[in-house]
Amino acid sequence: TVEKSGHGKVHQGPTLPHFTSDITKVTSKGLGLKKAHLNRVNNFTISAGMAGQNILYVGVYGPKSPCEEVSIKHTGNNNYNVSYIVKEKGDYLIIVKWGDDHVGGSPFKIEA
C-alpha cells in the first residue's frame, strides 16, 4: 500500500520504530570477514549486546550479483551468527549495518 502524505512525501507500509543504539559498541569477527571459500559455509559473528536496540542488516555482493544464500541467526542478547555461501571466484563486498550505520570495517572486501 502506498499513501501520499499532506507534505508531498510518499509513505509506504508501516513506520519503523525509533531505535536508540551506539554503533561504536557493535563488533564483528570471524574468518568469513577475511576470505570466502567457494561452495562452503563461511561464518562470522556480530556482537551488539552493549549497543542498544536496532536492526541488523547484512548483504554479500559478488562479482556479478548478490550472494544467493545469507543466513543470520540471533543467538540472544543482540549477538548474531552470520553464514553465507559463495559459488563464484572473485571479489565480494560484505555490508554489515546496525540500523542506518555501518559496523566498524564495513563494507568488508574479501576474495573467494
PDB file of N, CA and C in Angstrom:
ATOM      1  N   THR A   1       0.842  -1.178   0.000  1.00  0.00           N
ATOM      2  CA  THR A   1       0.000   0.000   0.000  1.00  0.00           C
ATOM      3  C   THR A   1       0.885   1.239   0.000  1.00  0.00           C
ATOM      4  N   VAL A   2       0.586   2.165  -0.878  1.00  0.00           N
ATOM      5  CA  VAL A   2       1.315   3.431  -0.937  1.00  0.00           C
ATOM      6  C   VAL A   2       0.337   4.530  -0.591  1.00  0.00           C
ATOM      7  N   GLU A   3       0.737   5.373   0.350  1.00  0.00           N
ATOM      8  CA  GLU A   3      -0.091   6.502   0.735  1.00  0.00           C
ATOM      9  C   GLU A   3       0.686   7.778   0.510  1.00  0.00           C
ATOM     10  N   LYS A   4      -0.016   8.831   0.156  1.00  0.00           N
ATOM     11  CA  LYS A   4       0.627  10.125  -0.003  1.00  0.00           C
ATOM     12  C   LYS A   4       0.262  10.984   1.190  1.00  0.00           C
ATOM     13  N   SER A   5       1.299  11.535   1.838  1.00  0.00           N
ATOM     14  CA  SER A   5       1.023  12.402   2.983  1.00  0.00           C
ATOM     15  C   SER A   5       0.736  13.814   2.500  1.00  0.00           C
ATOM     16  N   GLY A   6       0.334  14.667   3.409  1.00  0.00           N
ATOM     17  CA  GLY A   6      -0.031  16.027   3.074  1.00  0.00           C
ATOM     18  C   GLY A   6       1.136  16.911   2.655  1.00  0.00           C
ATOM     19  N   HIS A   7       2.374  16.456   2.845  1.00  0.00           N
ATOM     20  CA  HIS A   7       3.535  17.286   2.537  1.00  0.00           C
ATOM     21  C   HIS A   7       4.249  16.843   1.266  1.00  0.00           C
ATOM     22  N   GLY A   8       3.597  16.086   0.425  1.00  0.00           N
ATOM     23  CA  GLY A   8       4.196  15.665  -0.831  1.00  0.00           C
ATOM     24  C   GLY A   8       5.145  14.482  -0.679  1.00  0.00           C
ATOM     25  N   LYS A   9       5.264  13.933   0.536  1.00  0.00           N
ATOM     26  CA  LYS A   9       6.135  12.779   0.771  1.00  0.00           C
ATOM     27  C   LYS A   9       5.319  11.511   0.596  1.00  0.00           C
ATOM     28  N   VAL A  10       5.952  10.483   0.043  1.00  0.00           N
ATOM     29  CA  VAL A  10       5.287   9.201  -0.133  1.00  0.00           C
ATOM     30  C   VAL A  10       5.643   8.312   1.051  1.00  0.00           C
ATOM     31  N   HIS A  11       4.645   7.723   1.675  1.00  0.00           N
ATOM     32  CA  HIS A  11       4.851   6.800   2.783  1.00  0.00           C
ATOM     33  C   HIS A  11       4.382   5.431   2.330  1.00  0.00           C
ATOM     34  N   GLN A  12       5.246   4.448   2.475  1.00  0.00           N
ATOM     35  CA  GLN A  12       4.903   3.103   2.049  1.00  0.00           C
ATOM     36  C   GLN A  12       5.031   2.156   3.229  1.00  0.00           C
ATOM     37  N   GLY A  13       3.954   1.475   3.581  1.00  0.00           N
ATOM     38  CA  GLY A  13       3.982   0.482   4.635  1.00  0.00           C
ATOM     39  C   GLY A  13       4.066   1.084   6.026  1.00  0.00           C
ATOM     40  N   PRO A  14       4.285   0.205   7.018  1.00  0.00           N
ATOM     41  CA  PRO A  14       4.323   0.663   8.404  1.00  0.00           C
ATOM     42  C   PRO A  14       5.588   1.470   8.692  1.00  0.00           C
ATOM     43  N   THR A  15       5.508   2.312   9.700  1.00  0.00           N
ATOM     44  CA  THR A  15       6.648   3.110  10.130  1.00  0.00           C
ATOM     45  C   THR A  15       7.491   2.281  11.089  1.00  0.00           C
ATOM     46  N   LEU A  16       8.803   2.293  10.885  1.00  0.00           N
ATOM     47  CA  LEU A  16       9.693   1.573  11.789  1.00  0.00           C
ATOM     48  C   LEU A  16       9.795   2.315  13.112  1.00  0.00           C
ATOM     49  N   PRO A  17       9.964   1.573  14.202  1.00  0.00           N
ATOM     50  CA  PRO A  17      10.147   2.243  15.489  1.00  0.00           C
ATOM     51  C   PRO A  17      11.475   2.995  15.508  1.00  0.00           C
ATOM     52  N   HIS A  18      11.585   3.973  16.371  1.00  0.00           N
ATOM     53  CA  HIS A  18      12.839   4.705  16.531  1.00  0.00           C
ATOM     54  C   HIS A  18      13.691   3.950  17.548  1.00  0.00           C
ATOM     55  N   PHE A  19      14.876   3.513  17.104  1.00  0.00           N
ATOM     56  CA  PHE A  19      15.774   2.780  17.983  1.00  0.00           C
ATOM     57  C   PHE A  19      16.861   3.708  18.501  1.00  0.00           C
ATOM     58  N   THR A  20      17.322   3.444  19.701  1.00  0.00           N
ATOM     59  CA  THR A  20      18.453   4.162  20.267  1.00  0.00           C
ATOM     60  C   THR A  20      19.577   3.160  20.450  1.00  0.00           C
ATOM     61  N   SER A  21      20.694   3.389  19.743  1.00  0.00           N
ATOM     62  CA  SER A  21      21.810   2.459  19.850  1.00  0.00           C
ATOM     63  C   SER A  21      23.123   3.203  19.630  1.00  0.00           C
ATOM     64  N   ASP A  22      24.215   2.526  19.957  1.00  0.00           N
ATOM     65  CA  ASP A  22      25.556   3.087  19.836  1.00  0.00           C
ATOM     66  C   ASP A  22      26.384   2.177  18.933  1.00  0.00           C
ATOM     67  N   ILE A  23      26.598   2.595  17.693  1.00  0.00           N
ATOM     68  CA  ILE A  23      27.315   1.773  16.709  1.00  0.00           C
ATOM     69  C   ILE A  23      28.731   1.453  17.159  1.00  0.00           C
ATOM     70  N   THR A  24      29.337   2.295  17.981  1.00  0.00           N
ATOM     71  CA  THR A  24      30.722   2.057  18.417  1.00  0.00           C
ATOM     72  C   THR A  24      30.829   0.836  19.334  1.00  0.00           C
ATOM     73  N   LYS A  25      29.690   0.325  19.814  1.00  0.00           N
ATOM     74  CA  LYS A  25      29.698  -0.847  20.686  1.00  0.00           C
ATOM     75  C   LYS A  25      29.337  -2.135  19.953  1.00  0.00           C
ATOM     76  N   VAL A  26      29.255  -2.071  18.633  1.00  0.00           N
ATOM     77  CA  VAL A  26      28.985  -3.260  17.825  1.00  0.00           C
ATOM     78  C   VAL A  26      30.314  -3.760  17.272  1.00  0.00           C
ATOM     79  N   THR A  27      30.591  -5.054  17.474  1.00  0.00           N
ATOM     80  CA  THR A  27      31.832  -5.635  16.965  1.00  0.00           C
ATOM     81  C   THR A  27      31.523  -6.803  16.034  1.00  0.00           C
ATOM     82  N   SER A  28      32.458  -7.066  15.143  1.00  0.00           N
ATOM     83  CA  SER A  28      32.326  -8.187  14.211  1.00  0.00           C
ATOM     84  C   SER A  28      33.641  -8.933  14.175  1.00  0.00           C
ATOM     85  N   LYS A  29      33.565 -10.253  14.037  1.00  0.00           N
ATOM     86  CA  LYS A  29      34.790 -11.036  13.931  1.00  0.00           C
ATOM     87  C   LYS A  29      34.493 -12.369  13.267  1.00  0.00           C
ATOM     88  N   GLY A  30      35.539 -12.960  12.714  1.00  0.00           N
ATOM     89  CA  GLY A  30      35.406 -14.274  12.115  1.00  0.00           C
ATOM     90  C   GLY A  30      36.114 -14.366  10.778  1.00  0.00           C
ATOM     91  N   LEU A  31      36.477 -15.583  10.412  1.00  0.00           N
ATOM     92  CA  LEU A  31      37.202 -15.820   9.159  1.00  0.00           C
ATOM     93  C   LEU A  31      36.397 -15.421   7.934  1.00  0.00           C
ATOM     94  N   GLY A  32      35.071 -15.473   8.034  1.00  0.00           N
ATOM     95  CA  GLY A  32      34.218 -15.112   6.907  1.00  0.00           C
ATOM     96  C   GLY A  32      34.279 -13.654   6.531  1.00  0.00           C
ATOM     97  N   LEU A  33      34.922 -12.819   7.363  1.00  0.00           N
ATOM     98  CA  LEU A  33      35.127 -11.408   7.043  1.00  0.00           C
ATOM     99  C   LEU A  33      36.495 -11.162   6.413  1.00  0.00           C
ATOM    100  N   LYS A  34      37.293 -12.217   6.311  1.00  0.00           N
ATOM    101  CA  LYS A  34      38.645 -12.095   5.765  1.00  0.00           C
ATOM    102  C   LYS A  34      38.802 -12.779   4.408  1.00  0.00           C
ATOM    103  N   LYS A  35      38.151 -13.934   4.248  1.00  0.00           N
ATOM    104  CA  LYS A  35      38.234 -14.695   2.998  1.00  0.00           C
ATOM    105  C   LYS A  35      37.013 -15.588   2.888  1.00  0.00           C
ATOM    106  N   ALA A  36      36.553 -15.791   1.661  1.00  0.00           N
ATOM    107  CA  ALA A  36      35.418 -16.685   1.422  1.00  0.00           C
ATOM    108  C   ALA A  36      35.905 -17.936   0.703  1.00  0.00           C
ATOM    109  N   HIS A  37      35.428 -19.083   1.125  1.00  0.00           N
ATOM    110  CA  HIS A  37      35.750 -20.348   0.476  1.00  0.00           C
ATOM    111  C   HIS A  37      34.580 -20.743  -0.424  1.00  0.00           C
ATOM    112  N   LEU A  38      34.885 -21.113  -1.644  1.00  0.00           N
ATOM    113  CA  LEU A  38      33.849 -21.463  -2.621  1.00  0.00           C
ATOM    114  C   LEU A  38      33.066 -22.699  -2.190  1.00  0.00           C
ATOM    115  N   ASN A  39      31.756 -22.635  -2.387  1.00  0.00           N
ATOM    116  CA  ASN A  39      30.841 -23.752  -2.163  1.00  0.00           C
ATOM    117  C   ASN A  39      30.918 -24.337  -0.749  1.00  0.00           C
ATOM    118  N   ARG A  40      31.330 -23.525   0.211  1.00  0.00           N
ATOM    119  CA  ARG A  40      31.367 -23.931   1.612  1.00  0.00           C
ATOM    120  C   ARG A  40      30.709 -22.844   2.446  1.00  0.00           C
ATOM    121  N   VAL A  41      30.247 -23.223   3.618  1.00  0.00           N
ATOM    122  CA  VAL A  41      29.648 -22.243   4.517  1.00  0.00           C
ATOM    123  C   VAL A  41      30.758 -21.405   5.134  1.00  0.00           C
ATOM    124  N   ASN A  42      30.640 -20.091   5.003  1.00  0.00           N
ATOM    125  CA  ASN A  42      31.561 -19.120   5.595  1.00  0.00           C
ATOM    126  C   ASN A  42      30.821 -18.430   6.732  1.00  0.00           C
ATOM    127  N   ASN A  43      31.517 -18.139   7.832  1.00  0.00           N
ATOM    128  CA  ASN A  43      30.848 -17.619   9.031  1.00  0.00           C
ATOM    129  C   ASN A  43      31.556 -16.405   9.614  1.00  0.00           C
ATOM    130  N   PHE A  44      30.775 -15.579  10.298  1.00  0.00           N
ATOM    131  CA  PHE A  44      31.294 -14.541  11.176  1.00  0.00           C
ATOM    132  C   PHE A  44      30.236 -14.210  12.210  1.00  0.00           C
ATOM    133  N   THR A  45      30.654 -13.484  13.246  1.00  0.00           N
ATOM    134  CA  THR A  45      29.718 -13.134  14.312  1.00  0.00           C
ATOM    135  C   THR A  45      29.632 -11.625  14.465  1.00  0.00           C
ATOM    136  N   ILE A  46      28.477 -11.184  14.921  1.00  0.00           N
ATOM    137  CA  ILE A  46      28.226  -9.784  15.249  1.00  0.00           C
ATOM    138  C   ILE A  46      27.809  -9.749  16.716  1.00  0.00           C
ATOM    139  N   SER A  47      28.491  -8.922  17.495  1.00  0.00           N
ATOM    140  CA  SER A  47      28.154  -8.754  18.914  1.00  0.00           C
ATOM    141  C   SER A  47      27.669  -7.323  19.123  1.00  0.00           C
ATOM    142  N   ALA A  48      26.412  -7.199  19.530  1.00  0.00           N
ATOM    143  CA  ALA A  48      25.819  -5.880  19.756  1.00  0.00           C
ATOM    144  C   ALA A  48      25.126  -5.834  21.114  1.00  0.00           C
ATOM    145  N   GLY A  49      25.562  -6.676  22.035  1.00  0.00           N
ATOM    146  CA  GLY A  49      24.921  -6.785  23.341  1.00  0.00           C
ATOM    147  C   GLY A  49      24.929  -5.503  24.157  1.00  0.00           C
ATOM    148  N   MET A  50      25.938  -4.666  23.941  1.00  0.00           N
ATOM    149  CA  MET A  50      26.041  -3.425  24.713  1.00  0.00           C
ATOM    150  C   MET A  50      25.655  -2.203  23.875  1.00  0.00           C
ATOM    151  N   ALA A  51      25.141  -2.438  22.665  1.00  0.00           N
ATOM    152  CA  ALA A  51      24.900  -1.339  21.715  1.00  0.00           C
ATOM    153  C   ALA A  51      23.490  -0.770  21.759  1.00  0.00           C
ATOM    154  N   GLY A  52      22.590  -1.355  22.520  1.00  0.00           N
ATOM    155  CA  GLY A  52      21.204  -0.903  22.492  1.00  0.00           C
ATOM    156  C   GLY A  52      20.424  -1.660  21.428  1.00  0.00           C
ATOM    157  N   GLN A  53      19.207  -1.243  21.191  1.00  0.00           N
ATOM    158  CA  GLN A  53      18.328  -1.954  20.257  1.00  0.00           C
ATOM    159  C   GLN A  53      18.400  -1.357  18.858  1.00  0.00           C
ATOM    160  N   ASN A  54      18.444  -2.231  17.847  1.00  0.00           N
ATOM    161  CA  ASN A  54      18.377  -1.816  16.457  1.00  0.00           C
ATOM    162  C   ASN A  54      18.170  -3.039  15.583  1.00  0.00           C
ATOM    163  N   ILE A  55      18.245  -2.866  14.287  1.00  0.00           N
ATOM    164  CA  ILE A  55      18.050  -3.946  13.332  1.00  0.00           C
ATOM    165  C   ILE A  55      19.371  -4.223  12.640  1.00  0.00           C
ATOM    166  N   LEU A  56      19.738  -5.506  12.538  1.00  0.00           N
ATOM    167  CA  LEU A  56      20.957  -5.907  11.854  1.00  0.00           C
ATOM    168  C   LEU A  56      20.642  -6.173  10.384  1.00  0.00           C
ATOM    169  N   TYR A  57      21.416  -5.541   9.509  1.00  0.00           N
ATOM    170  CA  TYR A  57      21.313  -5.756   8.063  1.00  0.00           C
ATOM    171  C   TYR A  57      22.630  -6.327   7.564  1.00  0.00           C
ATOM    172  N   VAL A  58      22.571  -7.390   6.773  1.00  0.00           N
ATOM    173  CA  VAL A  58      23.780  -7.990   6.208  1.00  0.00           C
ATOM    174  C   VAL A  58      23.517  -8.292   4.737  1.00  0.00           C
ATOM    175  N   GLY A  59      24.467  -7.905   3.899  1.00  0.00           N
ATOM    176  CA  GLY A  59      24.398  -8.231   2.481  1.00  0.00           C
ATOM    177  C   GLY A  59      25.759  -8.671   1.987  1.00  0.00           C
ATOM    178  N   VAL A  60      25.775  -9.641   1.077  1.00  0.00           N
ATOM    179  CA  VAL A  60      27.015 -10.115   0.470  1.00  0.00           C
ATOM    180  C   VAL A  60      26.851  -9.951  -1.026  1.00  0.00           C
ATOM    181  N   TYR A  61      27.694  -9.114  -1.622  1.00  0.00           N
ATOM    182  CA  TYR A  61      27.582  -8.819  -3.054  1.00  0.00           C
ATOM    183  C   TYR A  61      28.828  -9.305  -3.767  1.00  0.00           C
ATOM    184  N   GLY A  62      28.631 -10.120  -4.818  1.00  0.00           N
ATOM    185  CA  GLY A  62      29.746 -10.743  -5.524  1.00  0.00           C
ATOM    186  C   GLY A  62      30.124 -10.077  -6.819  1.00  0.00           C
ATOM    187  N   PRO A  63      30.963 -10.763  -7.595  1.00  0.00           N
ATOM    188  CA  PRO A  63      31.469 -10.183  -8.836  1.00  0.00           C
ATOM    189  C   PRO A  63      30.368  -9.833  -9.841  1.00  0.00           C
ATOM    190  N   LYS A  64      29.259 -10.573  -9.811  1.00  0.00           N
ATOM    191  CA  LYS A  64      28.194 -10.338 -10.793  1.00  0.00           C
ATOM    192  C   LYS A  64      26.850 -10.021 -10.169  1.00  0.00           C
ATOM    193  N   SER A  65      26.633 -10.468  -8.928  1.00  0.00           N
ATOM    194  CA  SER A  65      25.309 -10.313  -8.326  1.00  0.00           C
ATOM    195  C   SER A  65      25.395 -10.554  -6.819  1.00  0.00           C
ATOM    196  N   PRO A  66      24.289 -10.309  -6.109  1.00  0.00           N
ATOM    197  CA  PRO A  66      24.280 -10.611  -4.675  1.00  0.00           C
ATOM    198  C   PRO A  66      24.447 -12.117  -4.434  1.00  0.00           C
ATOM    199  N   CYS A  67      24.970 -12.448  -3.278  1.00  0.00           N
ATOM    200  CA  CYS A  67      25.124 -13.842  -2.857  1.00  0.00           C
ATOM    201  C   CYS A  67      23.740 -14.489  -2.769  1.00  0.00           C
ATOM    202  N   GLU A  68      23.647 -15.744  -3.208  1.00  0.00           N
ATOM    203  CA  GLU A  68      22.355 -16.428  -3.226  1.00  0.00           C
ATOM    204  C   GLU A  68      21.835 -16.761  -1.827  1.00  0.00           C
ATOM    205  N   GLU A  69      22.750 -17.013  -0.897  1.00  0.00           N
ATOM    206  CA  GLU A  69      22.307 -17.507   0.403  1.00  0.00           C
ATOM    207  C   GLU A  69      23.082 -16.829   1.533  1.00  0.00           C
ATOM    208  N   VAL A  70      22.376 -16.055   2.358  1.00  0.00           N
ATOM    209  CA  VAL A  70      22.934 -15.434   3.554  1.00  0.00           C
ATOM    210  C   VAL A  70      21.979 -15.750   4.692  1.00  0.00           C
ATOM    211  N   SER A  71      22.525 -16.227   5.810  1.00  0.00           N
ATOM    212  CA  SER A  71      21.689 -16.590   6.947  1.00  0.00           C
ATOM    213  C   SER A  71      22.161 -15.838   8.185  1.00  0.00           C
ATOM    214  N   ILE A  72      21.208 -15.268   8.920  1.00  0.00           N
ATOM    215  CA  ILE A  72      21.507 -14.560  10.165  1.00  0.00           C
ATOM    216  C   ILE A  72      20.734 -15.261  11.279  1.00  0.00           C
ATOM    217  N   LYS A  73      21.457 -15.705  12.305  1.00  0.00           N
ATOM    218  CA  LYS A  73      20.795 -16.350  13.438  1.00  0.00           C
ATOM    219  C   LYS A  73      21.056 -15.541  14.703  1.00  0.00           C
ATOM    220  N   HIS A  74      19.977 -15.093  15.332  1.00  0.00           N
ATOM    221  CA  HIS A  74      20.085 -14.370  16.597  1.00  0.00           C
ATOM    222  C   HIS A  74      20.324 -15.402  17.689  1.00  0.00           C
ATOM    223  N   THR A  75      21.425 -15.265  18.436  1.00  0.00           N
ATOM    224  CA  THR A  75      21.774 -16.241  19.465  1.00  0.00           C
ATOM    225  C   THR A  75      21.478 -15.726  20.870  1.00  0.00           C
ATOM    226  N   GLY A  76      20.831 -14.558  20.962  1.00  0.00           N
ATOM    227  CA  GLY A  76      20.470 -13.990  22.248  1.00  0.00           C
ATOM    228  C   GLY A  76      21.318 -12.780  22.591  1.00  0.00           C
ATOM    229  N   ASN A  77      20.760 -11.870  23.369  1.00  0.00           N
ATOM    230  CA  ASN A  77      21.455 -10.675  23.853  1.00  0.00           C
ATOM    231  C   ASN A  77      22.098  -9.859  22.723  1.00  0.00           C
ATOM    232  N   ASN A  78      21.400  -9.738  21.607  1.00  0.00           N
ATOM    233  CA  ASN A  78      21.880  -8.986  20.438  1.00  0.00           C
ATOM    234  C   ASN A  78      23.203  -9.515  19.879  1.00  0.00           C
ATOM    235  N   ASN A  79      23.408 -10.821  19.964  1.00  0.00           N
ATOM    236  CA  ASN A  79      24.545 -11.480  19.331  1.00  0.00           C
ATOM    237  C   ASN A  79      24.021 -12.323  18.174  1.00  0.00           C
ATOM    238  N   TYR A  80      24.776 -12.340  17.079  1.00  0.00           N
ATOM    239  CA  TYR A  80      24.319 -12.990  15.857  1.00  0.00           C
ATOM    240  C   TYR A  80      25.425 -13.817  15.225  1.00  0.00           C
ATOM    241  N   ASN A  81      25.050 -14.961  14.660  1.00  0.00           N
ATOM    242  CA  ASN A  81      25.930 -15.741  13.806  1.00  0.00           C
ATOM    243  C   ASN A  81      25.453 -15.529  12.372  1.00  0.00           C
ATOM    244  N   VAL A  82      26.379 -15.181  11.489  1.00  0.00           N
ATOM    245  CA  VAL A  82      26.051 -14.954  10.087  1.00  0.00           C
ATOM    246  C   VAL A  82      26.799 -15.990   9.263  1.00  0.00           C
ATOM    247  N   SER A  83      26.108 -16.618   8.323  1.00  0.00           N
ATOM    248  CA  SER A  83      26.757 -17.561   7.416  1.00  0.00           C
ATOM    249  C   SER A  83      26.314 -17.263   5.990  1.00  0.00           C
ATOM    250  N   TYR A  84      27.190 -17.593   5.051  1.00  0.00           N
ATOM    251  CA  TYR A  84      26.890 -17.375   3.639  1.00  0.00           C
ATOM    252  C   TYR A  84      27.685 -18.372   2.808  1.00  0.00           C
ATOM    253  N   ILE A  85      27.212 -18.590   1.591  1.00  0.00           N
ATOM    254  CA  ILE A  85      27.881 -19.483   0.641  1.00  0.00           C
ATOM    255  C   ILE A  85      28.075 -18.716  -0.660  1.00  0.00           C
ATOM    256  N   VAL A  86      29.312 -18.729  -1.175  1.00  0.00           N
ATOM    257  CA  VAL A  86      29.578 -18.108  -2.474  1.00  0.00           C
ATOM    258  C   VAL A  86      29.916 -19.204  -3.477  1.00  0.00           C
ATOM    259  N   LYS A  87      29.531 -18.983  -4.736  1.00  0.00           N
ATOM    260  CA  LYS A  87      29.694 -20.010  -5.761  1.00  0.00           C
ATOM    261  C   LYS A  87      30.575 -19.582  -6.925  1.00  0.00           C
ATOM    262  N   GLU A  88      31.043 -18.320  -6.901  1.00  0.00           N
ATOM    263  CA  GLU A  88      31.894 -17.814  -7.983  1.00  0.00           C
ATOM    264  C   GLU A  88      33.181 -17.257  -7.412  1.00  0.00           C
ATOM    265  N   LYS A  89      34.278 -17.452  -8.152  1.00  0.00           N
ATOM    266  CA  LYS A  89      35.541 -16.811  -7.768  1.00  0.00           C
ATOM    267  C   LYS A  89      35.423 -15.320  -8.004  1.00  0.00           C
ATOM    268  N   GLY A  90      36.163 -14.557  -7.197  1.00  0.00           N
ATOM    269  CA  GLY A  90      36.189 -13.118  -7.404  1.00  0.00           C
ATOM    270  C   GLY A  90      36.144 -12.349  -6.105  1.00  0.00           C
ATOM    271  N   ASP A  91      36.002 -11.037  -6.245  1.00  0.00           N
ATOM    272  CA  ASP A  91      35.939 -10.139  -5.095  1.00  0.00           C
ATOM    273  C   ASP A  91      34.499  -9.951  -4.641  1.00  0.00           C
ATOM    274  N   TYR A  92      34.312  -9.936  -3.337  1.00  0.00           N
ATOM    275  CA  TYR A  92      33.000  -9.762  -2.728  1.00  0.00           C
ATOM    276  C   TYR A  92      33.039  -8.604  -1.739  1.00  0.00           C
ATOM    277  N   LEU A  93      31.905  -7.971  -1.556  1.00  0.00           N
ATOM    278  CA  LEU A  93      31.719  -6.975  -0.505  1.00  0.00           C
ATOM    279  C   LEU A  93      30.708  -7.525   0.483  1.00  0.00           C
ATOM    280  N   ILE A  94      31.039  -7.436   1.758  1.00  0.00           N
ATOM    281  CA  ILE A  94      30.096  -7.785   2.820  1.00  0.00           C
ATOM    282  C   ILE A  94      29.723  -6.482   3.505  1.00  0.00           C
ATOM    283  N   ILE A  95      28.443  -6.163   3.458  1.00  0.00           N
ATOM    284  CA  ILE A  95      27.931  -4.946   4.080  1.00  0.00           C
ATOM    285  C   ILE A  95      27.221  -5.350   5.362  1.00  0.00           C
ATOM    286  N   VAL A  96      27.633  -4.748   6.488  1.00  0.00           N
ATOM    287  CA  VAL A  96      27.017  -5.043   7.780  1.00  0.00           C
ATOM    288  C   VAL A  96      26.620  -3.715   8.418  1.00  0.00           C
ATOM    289  N   LYS A  97      25.326  -3.566   8.673  1.00  0.00           N
ATOM    290  CA  LYS A  97      24.830  -2.325   9.274  1.00  0.00           C
ATOM    291  C   LYS A  97      23.993  -2.647  10.513  1.00  0.00           C
ATOM    292  N   TRP A  98      24.142  -1.811  11.512  1.00  0.00           N
ATOM    293  CA  TRP A  98      23.309  -1.862  12.717  1.00  0.00           C
ATOM    294  C   TRP A  98      22.427  -0.631  12.616  1.00  0.00           C
ATOM    295  N   GLY A  99      21.195  -0.844  12.201  1.00  0.00           N
ATOM    296  CA  GLY A  99      20.335   0.294  11.877  1.00  0.00           C
ATOM    297  C   GLY A  99      20.854   0.967  10.622  1.00  0.00           C
ATOM    298  N   ASP A 100      21.020   2.278  10.667  1.00  0.00           N
ATOM    299  CA  ASP A 100      21.478   3.032   9.499  1.00  0.00           C
ATOM    300  C   ASP A 100      23.000   3.119   9.393  1.00  0.00           C
ATOM    301  N   ASP A 101      23.725   2.615  10.392  1.00  0.00           N
ATOM    302  CA  ASP A 101      25.174   2.807  10.449  1.00  0.00           C
ATOM    303  C   ASP A 101      25.945   1.523  10.155  1.00  0.00           C
ATOM    304  N   HIS A 102      27.037   1.665   9.396  1.00  0.00           N
ATOM    305  CA  HIS A 102      27.935   0.537   9.142  1.00  0.00           C
ATOM    306  C   HIS A 102      28.690   0.197  10.416  1.00  0.00           C
ATOM    307  N   VAL A 103      28.860  -1.106  10.686  1.00  0.00           N
ATOM    308  CA  VAL A 103      29.727  -1.513  11.792  1.00  0.00           C
ATOM    309  C   VAL A 103      31.172  -1.253  11.378  1.00  0.00           C
ATOM    310  N   GLY A 104      32.074  -1.176  12.339  1.00  0.00           N
ATOM    311  CA  GLY A 104      33.478  -0.919  12.042  1.00  0.00           C
ATOM    312  C   GLY A 104      34.027  -1.891  11.007  1.00  0.00           C
ATOM    313  N   GLY A 105      34.648  -1.364   9.961  1.00  0.00           N
ATOM    314  CA  GLY A 105      35.222  -2.187   8.894  1.00  0.00           C
ATOM    315  C   GLY A 105      34.314  -2.405   7.706  1.00  0.00           C
ATOM    316  N   SER A 106      33.021  -2.188   7.875  1.00  0.00           N
ATOM    317  CA  SER A 106      32.065  -2.397   6.783  1.00  0.00           C
ATOM    318  C   SER A 106      32.069  -1.202   5.842  1.00  0.00           C
ATOM    319  N   PRO A 107      32.010  -1.465   4.534  1.00  0.00           N
ATOM    320  CA  PRO A 107      31.944  -2.771   3.878  1.00  0.00           C
ATOM    321  C   PRO A 107      33.302  -3.483   3.902  1.00  0.00           C
ATOM    322  N   PHE A 108      33.245  -4.805   4.091  1.00  0.00           N
ATOM    323  CA  PHE A 108      34.431  -5.651   4.103  1.00  0.00           C
ATOM    324  C   PHE A 108      34.674  -6.145   2.686  1.00  0.00           C
ATOM    325  N   LYS A 109      35.885  -6.052   2.205  1.00  0.00           N
ATOM    326  CA  LYS A 109      36.230  -6.566   0.881  1.00  0.00           C
ATOM    327  C   LYS A 109      36.970  -7.881   1.072  1.00  0.00           C
ATOM    328  N   ILE A 110      36.422  -8.947   0.474  1.00  0.00           N
ATOM    329  CA  ILE A 110      37.037 -10.265   0.595  1.00  0.00           C
ATOM    330  C   ILE A 110      37.169 -10.901  -0.777  1.00  0.00           C
ATOM    331  N   GLU A 111      37.956 -11.942  -0.830  1.00  0.00           N
ATOM    332  CA  GLU A 111      38.186 -12.662  -2.089  1.00  0.00           C
ATOM    333  C   GLU A 111      37.782 -14.105  -1.932  1.00  0.00           C
ATOM    334  N   ALA A 112      37.222 -14.671  -2.978  1.00  0.00           N
ATOM    335  CA  ALA A 112      36.868 -16.083  -2.988  1.00  0.00           C
ATOM    336  C   ALA A 112      37.643 -16.779  -4.089  1.00  0.00           C
TER     337      ALA A 112
END
